[in-house]
Amino acid sequence: MRVDPAGFDLAVRDGETVFEAALRVQARWPTICFGQARCTACAVRVLDGHENLGPILDEERNILRQLTNRRRGWSMRDTRLACRLTVTGDITVEKRAARPPSAESAEISDSEEQVR
């Protein structure tokens, strides 16, 4: 998946959420509740690849309703919580405060992948 405007790619494994993938590679991804679907700090706008989004479960749907009511220009179709979002293929999201992992953390992540 692609994360803009930072312009980096994030590999999301089967069954893994976008937020979990970001943590795994030590990318900077805003959060307050660390994946509990409470703070909405991890929310993204889906720019492309809607057909590759995992389902929205009731917990996320209720929070998205509240979030899209508060944020002008954000729609239910384009808004997801990274801590609940799974993907089945390529997508592009907008997450303004996200930053790619440092080169050092990316090397560590690659080494861990080789060990597994």
PDB file of N, CA and C in Angstrom:
ATOM      1  N   MET A   1       0.836  -1.178   0.000  1.00  0.00           N
ATOM      2  CA  MET A   1       0.000   0.000   0.000  1.00  0.00           C
ATOM      3  C   MET A   1       0.876   1.234   0.000  1.00  0.00           C
ATOM      4  N   ARG A   2       0.323   2.309  -0.480  1.00  0.00           N
ATOM      5  CA  ARG A   2       1.043   3.575  -0.577  1.00  0.00           C
ATOM      6  C   ARG A   2       0.494   4.551   0.457  1.00  0.00           C
ATOM      7  N   VAL A   3       1.395   5.269   1.133  1.00  0.00           N
ATOM      8  CA  VAL A   3       1.003   6.266   2.134  1.00  0.00           C
ATOM      9  C   VAL A   3       1.455   7.641   1.640  1.00  0.00           C
ATOM     10  N   ASP A   4       0.501   8.497   1.366  1.00  0.00           N
ATOM     11  CA  ASP A   4       0.785   9.861   0.922  1.00  0.00           C
ATOM     12  C   ASP A   4       0.328  10.849   1.975  1.00  0.00           C
ATOM     13  N   PRO A   5       0.826  12.028   2.069  1.00  0.00           N
ATOM     14  CA  PRO A   5       1.795  12.653   1.190  1.00  0.00           C
ATOM     15  C   PRO A   5       3.245  12.297   1.516  1.00  0.00           C
ATOM     16  N   ALA A   6       3.500  11.483   2.518  1.00  0.00           N
ATOM     17  CA  ALA A   6       4.878  11.126   2.873  1.00  0.00           C
ATOM     18  C   ALA A   6       5.557  10.338   1.752  1.00  0.00           C
ATOM     19  N   GLY A   7       4.753   9.654   0.927  1.00  0.00           N
ATOM     20  CA  GLY A   7       5.301   8.983  -0.234  1.00  0.00           C
ATOM     21  C   GLY A   7       6.079   7.725   0.059  1.00  0.00           C
ATOM     22  N   PHE A   8       5.573   6.881   0.963  1.00  0.00           N
ATOM     23  CA  PHE A   8       6.263   5.611   1.205  1.00  0.00           C
ATOM     24  C   PHE A   8       5.303   4.449   1.057  1.00  0.00           C
ATOM     25  N   ASP A   9       5.876   3.288   0.787  1.00  0.00           N
ATOM     26  CA  ASP A   9       5.097   2.060   0.653  1.00  0.00           C
ATOM     27  C   ASP A   9       5.163   1.288   1.956  1.00  0.00           C
ATOM     28  N   LEU A  10       4.065   0.637   2.275  1.00  0.00           N
ATOM     29  CA  LEU A  10       3.955  -0.147   3.502  1.00  0.00           C
ATOM     30  C   LEU A  10       3.396  -1.518   3.130  1.00  0.00           C
ATOM     31  N   ALA A  11       4.148  -2.556   3.436  1.00  0.00           N
ATOM     32  CA  ALA A  11       3.692  -3.919   3.151  1.00  0.00           C
ATOM     33  C   ALA A  11       2.795  -4.383   4.293  1.00  0.00           C
ATOM     34  N   VAL A  12       1.556  -4.715   3.955  1.00  0.00           N
ATOM     35  CA  VAL A  12       0.583  -5.182   4.943  1.00  0.00           C
ATOM     36  C   VAL A  12       0.348  -6.670   4.689  1.00  0.00           C
ATOM     37  N   ARG A  13       0.597  -7.467   5.701  1.00  0.00           N
ATOM     38  CA  ARG A  13       0.437  -8.918   5.587  1.00  0.00           C
ATOM     39  C   ARG A  13      -1.037  -9.305   5.671  1.00  0.00           C
ATOM     40  N   ASP A  14      -1.345 -10.513   5.208  1.00  0.00           N
ATOM     41  CA  ASP A  14      -2.707 -11.047   5.312  1.00  0.00           C
ATOM     42  C   ASP A  14      -3.158 -11.043   6.763  1.00  0.00           C
ATOM     43  N   GLY A  15      -4.331 -10.487   7.020  1.00  0.00           N
ATOM     44  CA  GLY A  15      -4.894 -10.469   8.360  1.00  0.00           C
ATOM     45  C   GLY A  15      -4.337  -9.386   9.268  1.00  0.00           C
ATOM     46  N   GLU A  16      -3.350  -8.669   8.822  1.00  0.00           N
ATOM     47  CA  GLU A  16      -2.714  -7.611   9.611  1.00  0.00           C
ATOM     48  C   GLU A  16      -3.409  -6.284   9.299  1.00  0.00           C
ATOM     49  N   THR A  17      -3.564  -5.442  10.303  1.00  0.00           N
ATOM     50  CA  THR A  17      -4.118  -4.120  10.048  1.00  0.00           C
ATOM     51  C   THR A  17      -3.014  -3.190   9.550  1.00  0.00           C
ATOM     52  N   VAL A  18      -3.422  -2.103   8.936  1.00  0.00           N
ATOM     53  CA  VAL A  18      -2.471  -1.100   8.470  1.00  0.00           C
ATOM     54  C   VAL A  18      -1.641  -0.587   9.644  1.00  0.00           C
ATOM     55  N   PHE A  19      -2.290  -0.343  10.771  1.00  0.00           N
ATOM     56  CA  PHE A  19      -1.596   0.150  11.954  1.00  0.00           C
ATOM     57  C   PHE A  19      -0.564  -0.870  12.455  1.00  0.00           C
ATOM     58  N   GLU A  20      -0.926  -2.142  12.493  1.00  0.00           N
ATOM     59  CA  GLU A  20       0.013  -3.186  12.916  1.00  0.00           C
ATOM     60  C   GLU A  20       1.212  -3.262  11.972  1.00  0.00           C
ATOM     61  N   ALA A  21       0.954  -3.107  10.674  1.00  0.00           N
ATOM     62  CA  ALA A  21       2.054  -3.118   9.699  1.00  0.00           C
ATOM     63  C   ALA A  21       2.999  -1.945   9.936  1.00  0.00           C
ATOM     64  N   ALA A  22       2.434  -0.772  10.206  1.00  0.00           N
ATOM     65  CA  ALA A  22       3.257   0.411  10.478  1.00  0.00           C
ATOM     66  C   ALA A  22       4.112   0.202  11.731  1.00  0.00           C
ATOM     67  N   LEU A  23       3.522  -0.364  12.772  1.00  0.00           N
ATOM     68  CA  LEU A  23       4.283  -0.639  13.995  1.00  0.00           C
ATOM     69  C   LEU A  23       5.390  -1.659  13.742  1.00  0.00           C
ATOM     70  N   ARG A  24       5.068  -2.682  12.963  1.00  0.00           N
ATOM     71  CA  ARG A  24       6.040  -3.743  12.693  1.00  0.00           C
ATOM     72  C   ARG A  24       7.308  -3.195  12.043  1.00  0.00           C
ATOM     73  N   VAL A  25       7.155  -2.241  11.132  1.00  0.00           N
ATOM     74  CA  VAL A  25       8.334  -1.701  10.447  1.00  0.00           C
ATOM     75  C   VAL A  25       8.856  -0.424  11.098  1.00  0.00           C
ATOM     76  N   GLN A  26       8.242  -0.051  12.210  1.00  0.00           N
ATOM     77  CA  GLN A  26       8.631   1.128  12.983  1.00  0.00           C
ATOM     78  C   GLN A  26       8.439   2.431  12.222  1.00  0.00           C
ATOM     79  N   ALA A  27       7.373   2.476  11.424  1.00  0.00           N
ATOM     80  CA  ALA A  27       6.985   3.735  10.788  1.00  0.00           C
ATOM     81  C   ALA A  27       6.314   4.599  11.849  1.00  0.00           C
ATOM     82  N   ARG A  28       6.332   5.892  11.659  1.00  0.00           N
ATOM     83  CA  ARG A  28       5.635   6.791  12.581  1.00  0.00           C
ATOM     84  C   ARG A  28       4.185   6.859  12.140  1.00  0.00           C
ATOM     85  N   TRP A  29       3.286   6.459  13.037  1.00  0.00           N
ATOM     86  CA  TRP A  29       1.853   6.475  12.744  1.00  0.00           C
ATOM     87  C   TRP A  29       1.134   7.007  13.978  1.00  0.00           C
ATOM     88  N   PRO A  30       0.464   8.140  13.863  1.00  0.00           N
ATOM     89  CA  PRO A  30      -0.176   8.752  15.030  1.00  0.00           C
ATOM     90  C   PRO A  30      -1.186   7.827  15.713  1.00  0.00           C
ATOM     91  N   THR A  31      -1.132   7.810  17.019  1.00  0.00           N
ATOM     92  CA  THR A  31      -2.094   7.072  17.826  1.00  0.00           C
ATOM     93  C   THR A  31      -2.065   7.606  19.246  1.00  0.00           C
ATOM     94  N   ILE A  32      -3.155   7.441  19.918  1.00  0.00           N
ATOM     95  CA  ILE A  32      -3.244   7.742  21.344  1.00  0.00           C
ATOM     96  C   ILE A  32      -3.643   6.473  22.092  1.00  0.00           C
ATOM     97  N   CYS A  33      -4.528   5.692  21.467  1.00  0.00           N
ATOM     98  CA  CYS A  33      -5.053   4.493  22.138  1.00  0.00           C
ATOM     99  C   CYS A  33      -4.329   3.207  21.731  1.00  0.00           C
ATOM    100  N   PHE A  34      -3.374   3.292  20.828  1.00  0.00           N
ATOM    101  CA  PHE A  34      -2.583   2.145  20.379  1.00  0.00           C
ATOM    102  C   PHE A  34      -3.431   0.961  19.907  1.00  0.00           C
ATOM    103  N   GLY A  35      -4.326   1.260  18.970  1.00  0.00           N
ATOM    104  CA  GLY A  35      -5.079   0.201  18.309  1.00  0.00           C
ATOM    105  C   GLY A  35      -6.364  -0.227  18.967  1.00  0.00           C
ATOM    106  N   GLN A  36      -6.899   0.559  19.869  1.00  0.00           N
ATOM    107  CA  GLN A  36      -8.137   0.193  20.570  1.00  0.00           C
ATOM    108  C   GLN A  36      -9.392   0.758  19.905  1.00  0.00           C
ATOM    109  N   ALA A  37      -9.243   1.435  18.779  1.00  0.00           N
ATOM    110  CA  ALA A  37     -10.366   2.038  18.032  1.00  0.00           C
ATOM    111  C   ALA A  37     -11.141   3.046  18.876  1.00  0.00           C
ATOM    112  N   ARG A  38     -10.416   3.853  19.613  1.00  0.00           N
ATOM    113  CA  ARG A  38     -11.066   4.854  20.471  1.00  0.00           C
ATOM    114  C   ARG A  38     -10.686   6.288  20.108  1.00  0.00           C
ATOM    115  N   CYS A  39      -9.413   6.515  19.775  1.00  0.00           N
ATOM    116  CA  CYS A  39      -8.920   7.893  19.642  1.00  0.00           C
ATOM    117  C   CYS A  39      -9.139   8.506  18.263  1.00  0.00           C
ATOM    118  N   THR A  40      -9.243   7.723  17.237  1.00  0.00           N
ATOM    119  CA  THR A  40      -9.371   8.104  15.822  1.00  0.00           C
ATOM    120  C   THR A  40      -8.128   8.796  15.272  1.00  0.00           C
ATOM    121  N   ALA A  41      -7.052   8.878  16.032  1.00  0.00           N
ATOM    122  CA  ALA A  41      -5.828   9.518  15.548  1.00  0.00           C
ATOM    123  C   ALA A  41      -5.210   8.762  14.371  1.00  0.00           C
ATOM    124  N   CYS A  42      -5.502   7.489  14.239  1.00  0.00           N
ATOM    125  CA  CYS A  42      -4.918   6.678  13.172  1.00  0.00           C
ATOM    126  C   CYS A  42      -5.720   6.736  11.873  1.00  0.00           C
ATOM    127  N   ALA A  43      -6.831   7.457  11.858  1.00  0.00           N
ATOM    128  CA  ALA A  43      -7.723   7.479  10.699  1.00  0.00           C
ATOM    129  C   ALA A  43      -7.011   7.915   9.429  1.00  0.00           C
ATOM    130  N   VAL A  44      -7.392   7.284   8.321  1.00  0.00           N
ATOM    131  CA  VAL A  44      -6.838   7.597   7.008  1.00  0.00           C
ATOM    132  C   VAL A  44      -7.967   7.919   6.042  1.00  0.00           C
ATOM    133  N   ARG A  45      -7.607   8.624   4.984  1.00  0.00           N
ATOM    134  CA  ARG A  45      -8.513   8.830   3.846  1.00  0.00           C
ATOM    135  C   ARG A  45      -8.033   7.916   2.742  1.00  0.00           C
ATOM    136  N   VAL A  46      -8.913   7.078   2.250  1.00  0.00           N
ATOM    137  CA  VAL A  46      -8.578   6.160   1.166  1.00  0.00           C
ATOM    138  C   VAL A  46      -8.706   6.924  -0.148  1.00  0.00           C
ATOM    139  N   LEU A  47      -7.596   6.993  -0.885  1.00  0.00           N
ATOM    140  CA  LEU A  47      -7.567   7.723  -2.146  1.00  0.00           C
ATOM    141  C   LEU A  47      -7.789   6.807  -3.345  1.00  0.00           C
ATOM    142  N   ASP A  48      -7.333   5.555  -3.227  1.00  0.00           N
ATOM    143  CA  ASP A  48      -7.431   4.628  -4.347  1.00  0.00           C
ATOM    144  C   ASP A  48      -7.426   3.197  -3.810  1.00  0.00           C
ATOM    145  N   GLY A  49      -8.087   2.306  -4.535  1.00  0.00           N
ATOM    146  CA  GLY A  49      -8.081   0.895  -4.167  1.00  0.00           C
ATOM    147  C   GLY A  49      -9.220   0.483  -3.247  1.00  0.00           C
ATOM    148  N   HIS A  50     -10.327   1.196  -3.296  1.00  0.00           N
ATOM    149  CA  HIS A  50     -11.466   0.880  -2.423  1.00  0.00           C
ATOM    150  C   HIS A  50     -11.897  -0.584  -2.509  1.00  0.00           C
ATOM    151  N   GLU A  51     -11.722  -1.182  -3.676  1.00  0.00           N
ATOM    152  CA  GLU A  51     -12.127  -2.573  -3.867  1.00  0.00           C
ATOM    153  C   GLU A  51     -11.231  -3.543  -3.088  1.00  0.00           C
ATOM    154  N   ASN A  52     -10.112  -3.058  -2.564  1.00  0.00           N
ATOM    155  CA  ASN A  52      -9.172  -3.906  -1.823  1.00  0.00           C
ATOM    156  C   ASN A  52      -9.214  -3.696  -0.312  1.00  0.00           C
ATOM    157  N   LEU A  53     -10.246  -3.028   0.159  1.00  0.00           N
ATOM    158  CA  LEU A  53     -10.384  -2.780   1.595  1.00  0.00           C
ATOM    159  C   LEU A  53     -11.107  -3.930   2.266  1.00  0.00           C
ATOM    160  N   GLY A  54     -10.637  -4.290   3.465  1.00  0.00           N
ATOM    161  CA  GLY A  54     -11.349  -5.285   4.259  1.00  0.00           C
ATOM    162  C   GLY A  54     -12.668  -4.707   4.740  1.00  0.00           C
ATOM    163  N   PRO A  55     -13.545  -5.555   5.261  1.00  0.00           N
ATOM    164  CA  PRO A  55     -14.870  -5.102   5.691  1.00  0.00           C
ATOM    165  C   PRO A  55     -14.810  -4.147   6.892  1.00  0.00           C
ATOM    166  N   ILE A  56     -15.825  -3.314   6.974  1.00  0.00           N
ATOM    167  CA  ILE A  56     -15.985  -2.433   8.135  1.00  0.00           C
ATOM    168  C   ILE A  56     -16.901  -3.157   9.115  1.00  0.00           C
ATOM    169  N   LEU A  57     -16.388  -3.459  10.287  1.00  0.00           N
ATOM    170  CA  LEU A  57     -17.198  -4.110  11.313  1.00  0.00           C
ATOM    171  C   LEU A  57     -17.931  -3.048  12.122  1.00  0.00           C
ATOM    172  N   ASP A  58     -18.922  -3.463  12.903  1.00  0.00           N
ATOM    173  CA  ASP A  58     -19.779  -2.528  13.625  1.00  0.00           C
ATOM    174  C   ASP A  58     -19.010  -1.536  14.489  1.00  0.00           C
ATOM    175  N   GLU A  59     -17.998  -2.015  15.211  1.00  0.00           N
ATOM    176  CA  GLU A  59     -17.224  -1.137  16.093  1.00  0.00           C
ATOM    177  C   GLU A  59     -16.622   0.026  15.310  1.00  0.00           C
ATOM    178  N   GLU A  60     -16.006  -0.287  14.184  1.00  0.00           N
ATOM    179  CA  GLU A  60     -15.394   0.756  13.362  1.00  0.00           C
ATOM    180  C   GLU A  60     -16.463   1.653  12.731  1.00  0.00           C
ATOM    181  N   ARG A  61     -17.529   1.070  12.253  1.00  0.00           N
ATOM    182  CA  ARG A  61     -18.606   1.838  11.603  1.00  0.00           C
ATOM    183  C   ARG A  61     -19.152   2.922  12.539  1.00  0.00           C
ATOM    184  N   ASN A  62     -19.391   2.577  13.783  1.00  0.00           N
ATOM    185  CA  ASN A  62     -19.925   3.550  14.741  1.00  0.00           C
ATOM    186  C   ASN A  62     -18.955   4.710  14.957  1.00  0.00           C
ATOM    187  N   ILE A  63     -17.682   4.410  15.049  1.00  0.00           N
ATOM    188  CA  ILE A  63     -16.675   5.453  15.259  1.00  0.00           C
ATOM    189  C   ILE A  63     -16.523   6.303  14.001  1.00  0.00           C
ATOM    190  N   LEU A  64     -16.578   5.666  12.830  1.00  0.00           N
ATOM    191  CA  LEU A  64     -16.454   6.412  11.579  1.00  0.00           C
ATOM    192  C   LEU A  64     -17.607   7.395  11.397  1.00  0.00           C
ATOM    193  N   ARG A  65     -18.796   7.014  11.820  1.00  0.00           N
ATOM    194  CA  ARG A  65     -19.933   7.948  11.746  1.00  0.00           C
ATOM    195  C   ARG A  65     -19.643   9.215  12.547  1.00  0.00           C
ATOM    196  N   GLN A  66     -19.153   9.028  13.751  1.00  0.00           N
ATOM    197  CA  GLN A  66     -18.822  10.177  14.599  1.00  0.00           C
ATOM    198  C   GLN A  66     -17.697  11.007  13.972  1.00  0.00           C
ATOM    199  N   LEU A  67     -16.689  10.341  13.484  1.00  0.00           N
ATOM    200  CA  LEU A  67     -15.531  11.017  12.909  1.00  0.00           C
ATOM    201  C   LEU A  67     -15.903  11.823  11.671  1.00  0.00           C
ATOM    202  N   THR A  68     -16.653  11.231  10.763  1.00  0.00           N
ATOM    203  CA  THR A  68     -16.998  11.935   9.527  1.00  0.00           C
ATOM    204  C   THR A  68     -17.971  13.082   9.786  1.00  0.00           C
ATOM    205  N   ASN A  69     -18.718  13.019  10.863  1.00  0.00           N
ATOM    206  CA  ASN A  69     -19.580  14.146  11.234  1.00  0.00           C
ATOM    207  C   ASN A  69     -18.750  15.329  11.717  1.00  0.00           C
ATOM    208  N   ARG A  70     -17.590  15.054  12.310  1.00  0.00           N
ATOM    209  CA  ARG A  70     -16.722  16.113  12.850  1.00  0.00           C
ATOM    210  C   ARG A  70     -15.763  16.695  11.819  1.00  0.00           C
ATOM    211  N   ARG A  71     -15.324  15.887  10.871  1.00  0.00           N
ATOM    212  CA  ARG A  71     -14.298  16.326   9.914  1.00  0.00           C
ATOM    213  C   ARG A  71     -14.926  16.687   8.572  1.00  0.00           C
ATOM    214  N   ARG A  72     -14.851  17.941   8.269  1.00  0.00           N
ATOM    215  CA  ARG A  72     -15.400  18.455   7.017  1.00  0.00           C
ATOM    216  C   ARG A  72     -14.668  17.833   5.830  1.00  0.00           C
ATOM    217  N   GLY A  73     -15.426  17.350   4.870  1.00  0.00           N
ATOM    218  CA  GLY A  73     -14.837  16.788   3.658  1.00  0.00           C
ATOM    219  C   GLY A  73     -14.473  15.313   3.752  1.00  0.00           C
ATOM    220  N   TRP A  74     -14.637  14.700   4.908  1.00  0.00           N
ATOM    221  CA  TRP A  74     -14.340  13.274   5.055  1.00  0.00           C
ATOM    222  C   TRP A  74     -15.650  12.503   4.907  1.00  0.00           C
ATOM    223  N   SER A  75     -15.650  11.493   4.048  1.00  0.00           N
ATOM    224  CA  SER A  75     -16.855  10.702   3.826  1.00  0.00           C
ATOM    225  C   SER A  75     -16.694   9.305   4.417  1.00  0.00           C
ATOM    226  N   MET A  76     -17.802   8.656   4.655  1.00  0.00           N
ATOM    227  CA  MET A  76     -17.773   7.275   5.157  1.00  0.00           C
ATOM    228  C   MET A  76     -17.090   6.349   4.142  1.00  0.00           C
ATOM    229  N   ARG A  77     -17.263   6.609   2.875  1.00  0.00           N
ATOM    230  CA  ARG A  77     -16.658   5.759   1.839  1.00  0.00           C
ATOM    231  C   ARG A  77     -15.137   5.828   1.873  1.00  0.00           C
ATOM    232  N   ASP A  78     -14.595   7.006   2.158  1.00  0.00           N
ATOM    233  CA  ASP A  78     -13.157   7.220   2.062  1.00  0.00           C
ATOM    234  C   ASP A  78     -12.410   7.180   3.389  1.00  0.00           C
ATOM    235  N   THR A  79     -13.099   7.063   4.491  1.00  0.00           N
ATOM    236  CA  THR A  79     -12.463   7.141   5.803  1.00  0.00           C
ATOM    237  C   THR A  79     -12.412   5.770   6.459  1.00  0.00           C
ATOM    238  N   ARG A  80     -11.248   5.427   6.994  1.00  0.00           N
ATOM    239  CA  ARG A  80     -11.084   4.168   7.733  1.00  0.00           C
ATOM    240  C   ARG A  80     -10.134   4.392   8.897  1.00  0.00           C
ATOM    241  N   LEU A  81     -10.264   3.546   9.898  1.00  0.00           N
ATOM    242  CA  LEU A  81      -9.333   3.536  11.019  1.00  0.00           C
ATOM    243  C   LEU A  81      -8.219   2.547  10.676  1.00  0.00           C
ATOM    244  N   ALA A  82      -6.988   3.022  10.694  1.00  0.00           N
ATOM    245  CA  ALA A  82      -5.854   2.158  10.357  1.00  0.00           C
ATOM    246  C   ALA A  82      -5.747   0.977  11.314  1.00  0.00           C
ATOM    247  N   CYS A  83      -6.211   1.156  12.545  1.00  0.00           N
ATOM    248  CA  CYS A  83      -6.132   0.073  13.533  1.00  0.00           C
ATOM    249  C   CYS A  83      -7.175  -1.020  13.292  1.00  0.00           C
ATOM    250  N   ARG A  84      -8.078  -0.809  12.357  1.00  0.00           N
ATOM    251  CA  ARG A  84      -9.085  -1.817  12.005  1.00  0.00           C
ATOM    252  C   ARG A  84      -9.031  -2.202  10.539  1.00  0.00           C
ATOM    253  N   LEU A  85      -8.305  -1.429   9.743  1.00  0.00           N
ATOM    254  CA  LEU A  85      -8.279  -1.623   8.297  1.00  0.00           C
ATOM    255  C   LEU A  85      -7.348  -2.745   7.883  1.00  0.00           C
ATOM    256  N   THR A  86      -7.916  -3.749   7.234  1.00  0.00           N
ATOM    257  CA  THR A  86      -7.140  -4.789   6.578  1.00  0.00           C
ATOM    258  C   THR A  86      -7.302  -4.575   5.073  1.00  0.00           C
ATOM    259  N   VAL A  87      -6.346  -5.092   4.311  1.00  0.00           N
ATOM    260  CA  VAL A  87      -6.397  -4.899   2.867  1.00  0.00           C
ATOM    261  C   VAL A  87      -6.168  -6.220   2.151  1.00  0.00           C
ATOM    262  N   THR A  88      -6.702  -6.299   0.939  1.00  0.00           N
ATOM    263  CA  THR A  88      -6.546  -7.510   0.132  1.00  0.00           C
ATOM    264  C   THR A  88      -5.742  -7.249  -1.128  1.00  0.00           C
ATOM    265  N   GLY A  89      -5.276  -6.019  -1.305  1.00  0.00           N
ATOM    266  CA  GLY A  89      -4.507  -5.650  -2.489  1.00  0.00           C
ATOM    267  C   GLY A  89      -4.005  -4.227  -2.337  1.00  0.00           C
ATOM    268  N   ASP A  90      -3.595  -3.656  -3.451  1.00  0.00           N
ATOM    269  CA  ASP A  90      -3.017  -2.311  -3.437  1.00  0.00           C
ATOM    270  C   ASP A  90      -4.048  -1.242  -3.112  1.00  0.00           C
ATOM    271  N   ILE A  91      -3.660  -0.335  -2.229  1.00  0.00           N
ATOM    272  CA  ILE A  91      -4.456   0.845  -1.920  1.00  0.00           C
ATOM    273  C   ILE A  91      -3.509   2.029  -1.740  1.00  0.00           C
ATOM    274  N   THR A  92      -4.068   3.219  -1.814  1.00  0.00           N
ATOM    275  CA  THR A  92      -3.336   4.440  -1.493  1.00  0.00           C
ATOM    276  C   THR A  92      -4.155   5.197  -0.470  1.00  0.00           C
ATOM    277  N   VAL A  93      -3.492   5.599   0.611  1.00  0.00           N
ATOM    278  CA  VAL A  93      -4.177   6.357   1.655  1.00  0.00           C
ATOM    279  C   VAL A  93      -3.460   7.676   1.890  1.00  0.00           C
ATOM    280  N   GLU A  94      -4.218   8.614   2.419  1.00  0.00           N
ATOM    281  CA  GLU A  94      -3.646   9.877   2.859  1.00  0.00           C
ATOM    282  C   GLU A  94      -3.587   9.851   4.382  1.00  0.00           C
ATOM    283  N   LYS A  95      -2.384  10.024   4.905  1.00  0.00           N
ATOM    284  CA  LYS A  95      -2.176  10.138   6.348  1.00  0.00           C
ATOM    285  C   LYS A  95      -1.075  11.161   6.552  1.00  0.00           C
ATOM    286  N   ARG A  96      -1.481  12.385   6.829  1.00  0.00           N
ATOM    287  CA  ARG A  96      -0.554  13.508   6.847  1.00  0.00           C
ATOM    288  C   ARG A  96       0.573  13.379   7.872  1.00  0.00           C
ATOM    289  N   ALA A  97       0.365  12.835   9.012  1.00  0.00           N
ATOM    290  CA  ALA A  97       1.405  12.787  10.041  1.00  0.00           C
ATOM    291  C   ALA A  97       2.222  11.496  10.021  1.00  0.00           C
ATOM    292  N   ALA A  98       1.906  10.577   9.120  1.00  0.00           N
ATOM    293  CA  ALA A  98       2.671   9.332   9.022  1.00  0.00           C
ATOM    294  C   ALA A  98       4.029   9.602   8.398  1.00  0.00           C
ATOM    295  N   ARG A  99       5.030   8.869   8.876  1.00  0.00           N
ATOM    296  CA  ARG A  99       6.391   8.986   8.344  1.00  0.00           C
ATOM    297  C   ARG A  99       6.958   7.596   8.147  1.00  0.00           C
ATOM    298  N   PRO A 100       7.773   7.428   7.106  1.00  0.00           N
ATOM    299  CA  PRO A 100       8.352   6.104   6.850  1.00  0.00           C
ATOM    300  C   PRO A 100       9.323   5.714   7.952  1.00  0.00           C
ATOM    301  N   PRO A 101       9.602   4.422   8.050  1.00  0.00           N
ATOM    302  CA  PRO A 101      10.612   3.998   9.034  1.00  0.00           C
ATOM    303  C   PRO A 101      11.963   4.570   8.645  1.00  0.00           C
ATOM    304  N   SER A 102      12.798   4.759   9.632  1.00  0.00           N
ATOM    305  CA  SER A 102      14.158   5.207   9.337  1.00  0.00           C
ATOM    306  C   SER A 102      14.877   4.075   8.616  1.00  0.00           C
ATOM    307  N   ALA A 103      15.957   4.394   7.939  1.00  0.00           N
ATOM    308  CA  ALA A 103      16.730   3.371   7.222  1.00  0.00           C
ATOM    309  C   ALA A 103      17.201   2.282   8.180  1.00  0.00           C
ATOM    310  N   GLU A 104      17.574   2.677   9.393  1.00  0.00           N
ATOM    311  CA  GLU A 104      18.052   1.713  10.387  1.00  0.00           C
ATOM    312  C   GLU A 104      16.949   0.749  10.794  1.00  0.00           C
ATOM    313  N   SER A 105      15.739   1.248  11.070  1.00  0.00           N
ATOM    314  CA  SER A 105      14.655   0.356  11.488  1.00  0.00           C
ATOM    315  C   SER A 105      14.203  -0.529  10.339  1.00  0.00           C
ATOM    316  N   ALA A 106      14.292  -0.034   9.091  1.00  0.00           N
ATOM    317  CA  ALA A 106      13.935  -0.851   7.935  1.00  0.00           C
ATOM    318  C   ALA A 106      14.906  -2.023   7.792  1.00  0.00           C
ATOM    319  N   GLU A 107      16.184  -1.779   8.049  1.00  0.00           N
ATOM    320  CA  GLU A 107      17.172  -2.861   7.981  1.00  0.00           C
ATOM    321  C   GLU A 107      16.902  -3.908   9.046  1.00  0.00           C
ATOM    322  N   ILE A 108      16.534  -3.479  10.234  1.00  0.00           N
ATOM    323  CA  ILE A 108      16.212  -4.401  11.316  1.00  0.00           C
ATOM    324  C   ILE A 108      14.999  -5.242  10.932  1.00  0.00           C
ATOM    325  N   SER A 109      13.973  -4.591  10.372  1.00  0.00           N
ATOM    326  CA  SER A 109      12.773  -5.299   9.966  1.00  0.00           C
ATOM    327  C   SER A 109      13.085  -6.334   8.886  1.00  0.00           C
ATOM    328  N   ASP A 110      13.925  -5.979   7.900  1.00  0.00           N
ATOM    329  CA  ASP A 110      14.323  -6.919   6.864  1.00  0.00           C
ATOM    330  C   ASP A 110      15.056  -8.109   7.462  1.00  0.00           C
ATOM    331  N   SER A 111      15.917  -7.875   8.440  1.00  0.00           N
ATOM    332  CA  SER A 111      16.653  -8.960   9.085  1.00  0.00           C
ATOM    333  C   SER A 111      15.707  -9.891   9.823  1.00  0.00           C
ATOM    334  N   GLU A 112      14.724  -9.322  10.496  1.00  0.00           N
ATOM    335  CA  GLU A 112      13.739 -10.141  11.217  1.00  0.00           C
ATOM    336  C   GLU A 112      12.955 -11.001  10.247  1.00  0.00           C
ATOM    337  N   GLU A 113      12.610 -10.462   9.064  1.00  0.00           N
ATOM    338  CA  GLU A 113      11.869 -11.218   8.055  1.00  0.00           C
ATOM    339  C   GLU A 113      12.681 -12.436   7.597  1.00  0.00           C
ATOM    340  N   GLN A 114      13.989 -12.253   7.442  1.00  0.00           N
ATOM    341  CA  GLN A 114      14.837 -13.337   6.968  1.00  0.00           C
ATOM    342  C   GLN A 114      14.944 -14.440   8.006  1.00  0.00           C
ATOM    343  N   VAL A 115      14.874 -14.102   9.281  1.00  0.00           N
ATOM    344  CA  VAL A 115      14.978 -15.070  10.368  1.00  0.00           C
ATOM    345  C   VAL A 115      13.739 -15.945  10.429  1.00  0.00           C
ATOM    346  N   ARG A 116      12.590 -15.373  10.140  1.00  0.00           N
ATOM    347  CA  ARG A 116      11.317 -16.111  10.269  1.00  0.00           C
ATOM    348  C   ARG A 116      11.142 -17.169   9.266  1.00  0.00           C
TER     349      ARG A 116
END
